[in-house]
Protein backbone atom coordinates (compact mmCIF):
# COMPACT_ATOMS: atom_id res chain seq x y z
CA MET A 1 16.10 55.03 -116.25
CA LEU A 2 16.31 52.77 -119.30
CA ALA A 3 17.50 49.93 -117.07
CA ILE A 4 14.48 50.39 -114.79
CA LEU A 5 12.14 50.04 -117.77
CA ASN A 6 13.96 46.97 -119.11
CA PRO A 7 13.27 48.05 -122.69
CA THR A 8 13.06 45.75 -125.69
CA ASP A 9 14.09 48.66 -127.94
CA SER A 10 15.14 52.30 -127.57
CA ARG A 11 16.25 55.10 -129.86
CA LEU A 12 17.44 58.64 -129.25
CA VAL A 13 14.98 61.11 -130.79
CA LEU A 14 16.27 64.44 -129.43
CA ASP A 15 19.60 65.72 -128.16
CA ARG A 16 19.71 69.45 -127.57
CA ARG A 17 20.97 71.98 -125.03
CA GLY A 18 20.05 70.63 -121.60
CA SER A 19 17.82 67.76 -122.70
CA THR A 20 17.84 64.34 -124.32
CA VAL A 21 14.76 62.27 -125.19
CA TRP A 22 14.45 58.57 -126.02
CA HIS A 23 11.59 56.60 -127.56
CA VAL A 24 11.48 53.39 -125.55
CA ARG A 25 9.52 50.18 -126.19
CA CYS A 26 8.78 47.71 -123.44
CA GLY A 27 6.88 44.91 -125.12
CA GLN A 28 3.70 46.51 -126.43
CA ALA A 29 4.07 49.66 -124.29
CA GLN A 30 5.85 52.79 -125.55
CA TYR A 31 7.32 55.61 -123.50
CA ALA A 32 9.20 58.87 -123.85
CA VAL A 33 12.17 59.10 -121.49
CA LYS A 34 13.65 62.54 -120.83
CA LEU A 35 16.93 63.49 -119.17
CA GLY A 36 17.68 67.08 -118.13
CA TYR A 37 21.02 68.61 -117.20
CA PRO A 38 22.39 72.16 -116.72
CA VAL A 39 23.80 74.11 -119.66
CA ALA A 40 27.11 75.95 -119.41
CA ALA A 41 27.44 79.49 -120.74
CA THR A 42 28.96 80.06 -124.19
CA GLU A 43 29.59 83.15 -126.30
CA HIS A 44 26.10 82.69 -127.78
CA TRP A 45 24.08 81.41 -124.78
CA GLY A 46 23.89 82.15 -121.11
CA ALA A 47 24.13 79.42 -118.52
CA ALA A 48 20.84 77.64 -117.75
CA ASP A 49 20.17 75.58 -114.63
CA TRP A 50 16.42 75.20 -115.18
CA THR A 51 16.98 72.62 -117.93
CA ALA A 52 18.20 70.21 -115.26
CA LEU A 53 14.90 70.56 -113.37
CA ALA A 54 12.53 70.58 -116.35
CA PRO A 55 11.92 66.80 -116.63
CA ALA A 56 10.92 66.48 -112.98
CA ARG A 57 8.76 69.56 -113.20
CA GLU A 58 7.00 68.10 -116.23
CA GLY A 59 6.57 64.81 -114.40
CA VAL A 60 4.79 66.63 -111.56
CA VAL A 61 2.47 68.32 -114.07
CA LEU A 62 1.71 65.06 -115.87
CA GLN A 63 0.82 63.32 -112.63
CA GLU A 64 -1.42 66.21 -111.57
CA LEU A 65 -3.16 66.00 -114.95
CA GLY A 66 -3.90 62.35 -114.26
CA SER A 67 -1.25 60.44 -116.20
CA ALA A 68 -1.17 56.96 -114.70
CA THR A 69 2.24 56.04 -116.13
CA ALA A 70 4.22 59.28 -115.72
CA THR A 71 7.02 59.17 -113.17
CA TYR A 72 10.13 61.23 -112.46
CA GLY A 73 13.27 61.34 -110.37
CA VAL A 74 16.77 62.69 -109.86
CA TRP A 75 20.05 61.63 -111.42
CA ALA A 76 23.64 62.83 -111.01
CA GLN A 77 23.34 65.85 -113.33
CA GLY A 78 19.68 66.80 -113.00
CA THR A 79 16.28 65.13 -113.25
CA TRP A 80 14.43 62.67 -115.50
CA ASN A 81 10.92 61.62 -116.36
CA VAL A 82 9.13 58.74 -118.04
CA GLN A 83 5.82 59.44 -119.77
CA PRO A 84 3.54 57.91 -122.41
CA TRP A 85 4.79 58.06 -125.99
CA HIS A 86 2.38 59.80 -128.40
CA SER A 87 2.52 58.29 -131.88
CA GLY A 88 1.87 60.64 -134.77
CA THR A 89 3.26 63.67 -136.58
CA ASP A 90 3.89 67.14 -135.21
CA LEU A 91 1.88 69.99 -136.72
CA GLN A 92 4.83 71.55 -138.57
CA SER A 93 5.65 68.28 -140.33
CA ARG A 94 2.00 67.41 -140.92
CA TRP A 95 1.42 70.60 -142.89
CA THR A 96 4.59 70.39 -144.99
CA PRO A 97 2.65 69.50 -148.20
CA HIS A 98 0.50 72.61 -147.79
CA ARG A 99 3.51 74.92 -147.68
CA THR A 100 4.68 74.07 -151.18
CA ARG A 101 4.23 76.63 -153.93
CA HIS A 102 1.94 74.35 -155.90
CA ALA A 103 -0.07 72.98 -152.99
CA LEU A 104 -3.53 71.93 -154.18
CA SER A 105 -5.23 72.13 -150.79
CA ARG A 106 -5.37 74.38 -147.77
CA PRO A 107 -4.22 73.09 -144.39
CA PRO A 108 -7.08 71.02 -142.98
CA LEU A 109 -9.16 72.84 -140.41
CA SER A 110 -9.71 69.55 -138.60
CA ASP A 111 -5.99 69.57 -137.67
CA ALA A 112 -6.22 73.16 -136.42
CA LEU A 113 -9.30 72.27 -134.39
CA ALA A 114 -7.61 69.23 -132.86
CA CYS A 115 -4.69 71.39 -131.72
CA ALA A 116 -6.98 74.13 -130.44
CA ASP A 117 -9.12 71.63 -128.56
CA ALA A 118 -6.07 70.12 -126.84
CA LEU A 119 -5.00 73.55 -125.61
CA ALA A 120 -8.58 74.49 -124.66
CA GLN A 121 -8.85 71.37 -122.51
CA LEU A 122 -5.69 72.37 -120.65
CA HIS A 123 -7.11 75.86 -120.07
CA ASP A 124 -10.44 74.41 -118.91
CA LYS A 125 -8.56 72.51 -116.19
CA GLY A 126 -7.01 75.73 -114.91
CA TYR A 127 -3.56 75.47 -116.47
CA VAL A 128 -1.47 77.58 -118.85
CA HIS A 129 0.96 75.83 -121.22
CA GLY A 130 3.54 78.61 -121.60
CA ASP A 131 5.44 76.99 -124.49
CA VAL A 132 3.01 76.65 -127.40
CA GLN A 133 4.71 75.80 -130.72
CA PRO A 134 3.98 73.52 -133.71
CA ALA A 135 6.34 70.80 -132.50
CA HIS A 136 4.32 70.43 -129.31
CA PHE A 137 1.14 69.25 -131.03
CA ILE A 138 1.24 65.59 -132.10
CA LEU A 139 -1.50 64.56 -134.51
CA GLY A 140 -2.31 60.88 -134.86
CA ASP A 141 -3.37 59.03 -137.98
CA GLY A 142 -7.07 59.43 -137.20
CA PRO A 143 -8.83 62.79 -137.51
CA GLY A 144 -9.81 65.06 -134.70
CA ARG A 145 -7.30 64.42 -131.92
CA ALA A 146 -3.98 65.96 -130.98
CA ALA A 147 -1.69 65.42 -128.01
CA LEU A 148 -0.19 68.51 -126.39
CA ILE A 149 3.31 67.70 -125.17
CA ASP A 150 6.33 69.35 -123.47
CA LEU A 151 4.58 70.51 -120.30
CA ALA A 152 7.64 71.58 -118.30
CA LEU A 153 6.67 75.28 -118.36
CA VAL A 154 3.00 74.76 -117.46
CA ARG A 155 1.65 77.09 -114.78
CA GLY A 156 -1.22 76.21 -112.46
CA ALA A 157 0.22 72.99 -111.03
CA LYS A 158 1.50 72.57 -107.47
CA VAL A 159 5.20 72.02 -108.09
CA PRO A 160 7.59 71.24 -105.21
CA ALA A 161 10.03 74.09 -104.67
CA ARG A 162 13.04 71.85 -105.34
CA PHE A 163 11.84 71.26 -108.91
CA ASP A 164 10.39 74.68 -109.68
CA PHE A 165 11.98 77.61 -111.52
CA PRO A 166 10.90 81.04 -112.81
CA TYR A 167 9.28 81.43 -116.21
CA ARG A 168 11.68 83.29 -118.51
CA GLY A 169 9.70 83.09 -121.72
CA CYS A 170 9.63 80.40 -124.40
CA LEU A 171 10.78 79.99 -128.00
CA VAL A 172 10.51 83.60 -129.16
CA HIS A 173 9.01 82.67 -132.55
CA TYR A 174 5.75 81.99 -130.66
CA GLU A 175 6.03 84.46 -127.80
CA ALA A 176 3.31 87.06 -127.25
CA PRO A 177 4.43 90.71 -127.21
CA GLU A 178 3.45 91.22 -123.57
CA ILE A 179 5.57 88.22 -122.52
CA ALA A 180 8.54 89.37 -124.61
CA ARG A 181 8.24 92.88 -123.16
CA ARG A 182 8.20 91.64 -119.59
CA VAL A 183 11.19 89.34 -120.15
CA LEU A 184 13.14 92.24 -121.66
CA GLU A 185 12.28 94.42 -118.67
CA SER A 186 12.84 92.01 -115.80
CA GLY A 187 14.09 88.69 -117.13
CA GLU A 188 10.91 86.90 -116.05
CA ALA A 189 7.22 86.87 -116.93
CA ALA A 190 3.93 85.22 -116.00
CA PRO A 191 2.47 83.04 -118.78
CA THR A 192 -1.24 83.54 -119.45
CA ARG A 193 -4.05 81.95 -121.41
CA GLU A 194 -4.06 84.99 -123.69
CA ALA A 195 -0.37 84.45 -124.43
CA ASP A 196 -1.11 80.78 -125.19
CA VAL A 197 -3.75 81.92 -127.70
CA TYR A 198 -1.18 84.17 -129.34
CA GLY A 199 1.33 81.30 -129.37
CA LEU A 200 -1.15 79.01 -131.10
CA GLY A 201 -1.87 81.70 -133.69
CA ALA A 202 1.86 82.07 -134.36
CA ALA A 203 2.23 78.27 -134.49
CA LEU A 204 -0.58 77.90 -137.04
CA PHE A 205 0.97 80.72 -139.09
CA MET A 206 4.38 79.02 -139.06
CA ALA A 207 2.96 75.59 -139.89
CA ALA A 208 0.83 76.94 -142.74
CA THR A 209 3.37 79.32 -144.32
CA GLY A 210 6.85 78.34 -143.10
CA TRP A 211 7.43 81.90 -141.88
CA ARG A 212 7.83 83.33 -138.40
CA HIS A 213 4.97 85.70 -137.69
CA VAL A 214 7.44 88.54 -137.03
CA ALA A 215 10.49 89.15 -139.23
CA TYR A 216 14.00 89.16 -137.77
CA PRO A 217 17.34 87.70 -138.91
CA ASP A 218 17.79 83.96 -138.46
CA ASP A 219 20.91 84.51 -136.37
CA ALA A 220 19.47 87.32 -134.23
CA PRO A 221 20.11 86.92 -130.48
CA ARG A 222 17.05 86.41 -128.33
CA THR A 223 17.08 89.97 -127.04
CA GLU A 224 16.86 91.26 -130.61
CA GLN A 225 14.15 88.73 -131.41
CA ARG A 226 12.07 89.91 -128.46
CA ARG A 227 12.53 93.55 -129.41
CA ALA A 228 11.16 92.71 -132.85
CA VAL A 229 8.15 90.92 -131.35
CA VAL A 230 7.46 93.92 -129.11
CA GLY A 231 8.15 96.68 -131.63
CA LYS A 232 7.07 95.33 -135.02
CA SER A 233 3.74 94.43 -136.54
CA HIS A 234 3.36 90.78 -137.45
CA ARG A 235 3.60 89.73 -141.07
CA PRO A 236 0.35 89.87 -143.07
CA VAL A 237 -1.61 86.69 -142.46
CA ASN A 238 -1.77 85.32 -145.98
CA ILE A 239 -3.62 82.11 -145.10
CA ALA A 240 -6.76 81.87 -147.22
CA GLY A 241 -10.21 81.33 -145.78
CA PRO A 242 -11.50 81.25 -142.20
CA LEU A 243 -8.22 79.99 -140.74
CA GLY A 244 -6.44 83.14 -141.90
CA ARG A 245 -9.06 85.41 -140.36
CA LEU A 246 -8.89 83.49 -137.09
CA VAL A 247 -5.09 83.55 -136.93
CA ASP A 248 -5.18 87.32 -137.53
CA ASP A 249 -7.48 87.68 -134.50
CA MET A 250 -5.27 85.43 -132.37
CA LEU A 251 -2.24 87.61 -133.16
CA ARG A 252 -3.83 90.84 -131.98
CA PRO A 253 -1.26 92.82 -129.96
CA GLU A 254 -3.58 93.48 -127.00
CA PRO A 255 -4.32 90.35 -124.95
CA ARG A 256 -7.91 91.44 -124.24
CA ASP A 257 -8.65 91.64 -127.97
CA ARG A 258 -7.82 88.00 -128.66
CA PRO A 259 -10.43 85.24 -128.64
CA ASP A 260 -10.21 82.69 -125.84
CA MET A 261 -9.58 79.05 -126.68
CA ARG A 262 -13.23 78.02 -126.58
CA GLU A 263 -14.03 80.84 -129.02
CA VAL A 264 -11.19 79.61 -131.24
CA CYS A 265 -12.63 76.08 -131.17
CA GLY A 266 -16.12 77.40 -131.84
CA THR A 267 -14.90 79.30 -134.88
CA LEU A 268 -13.15 76.23 -136.30
CA ARG A 269 -15.74 73.59 -135.46
CA PRO A 270 -18.61 74.60 -137.82
CA GLU A 271 -16.17 74.71 -140.72
CA THR A 272 -15.14 71.08 -140.13
CA GLN A 273 -18.64 69.62 -140.06
């Protein structure tokens, strides 16, 4: 894939179970290049074949969403994609100064609105993200815009069967109780807009406080994590001001009680003007 692009510069930015990502420069153009491969079972993790298909699945989604430069294909161990590189800082890193004990300012509502608006736009187009977390919102240097990345678990796109796979939940720190419950019961679930709202609430809570919204040991297996999400109340939302009240609403246990994304944006927007 790198040879096809004929890059002038490349650097590895992520190397984790089942996936590697490069930042690639080709003259003035910048791309993210992803490689997926299957993960073997260990004493801590089960085997995972879906990681091999994830880059191609994301490539399909990106093309359906109108990306002119996204492409994907197959390699010996799985699939790959090439997509635009989004310059900026992820939400968790962006709010690091506001998590210090002596922080002089609250997290900016304009950042929260930018993230909410990116997710709302996806919902407006008929899609569900399914993997909302702080690392998946990239905020640029200018105010008001965020890129929503890592679209491999999106639902609503027409994905060829050879690249598709069941939804088995996401990073549990941001998983809604109804999703966690269903995964515990059957191993699979159906992501929803309401679960995305919950995930964004949990992401804003984590970025603002540094804490998972539900308490469980750092080394807890995923089954135990999901049982905590299903069976425990979330931590008190100790974020001051309107953002705290909104996050509390987004983390309501019943999906029907949560605001939708346009309501979330409407709540944030007057406060930023």
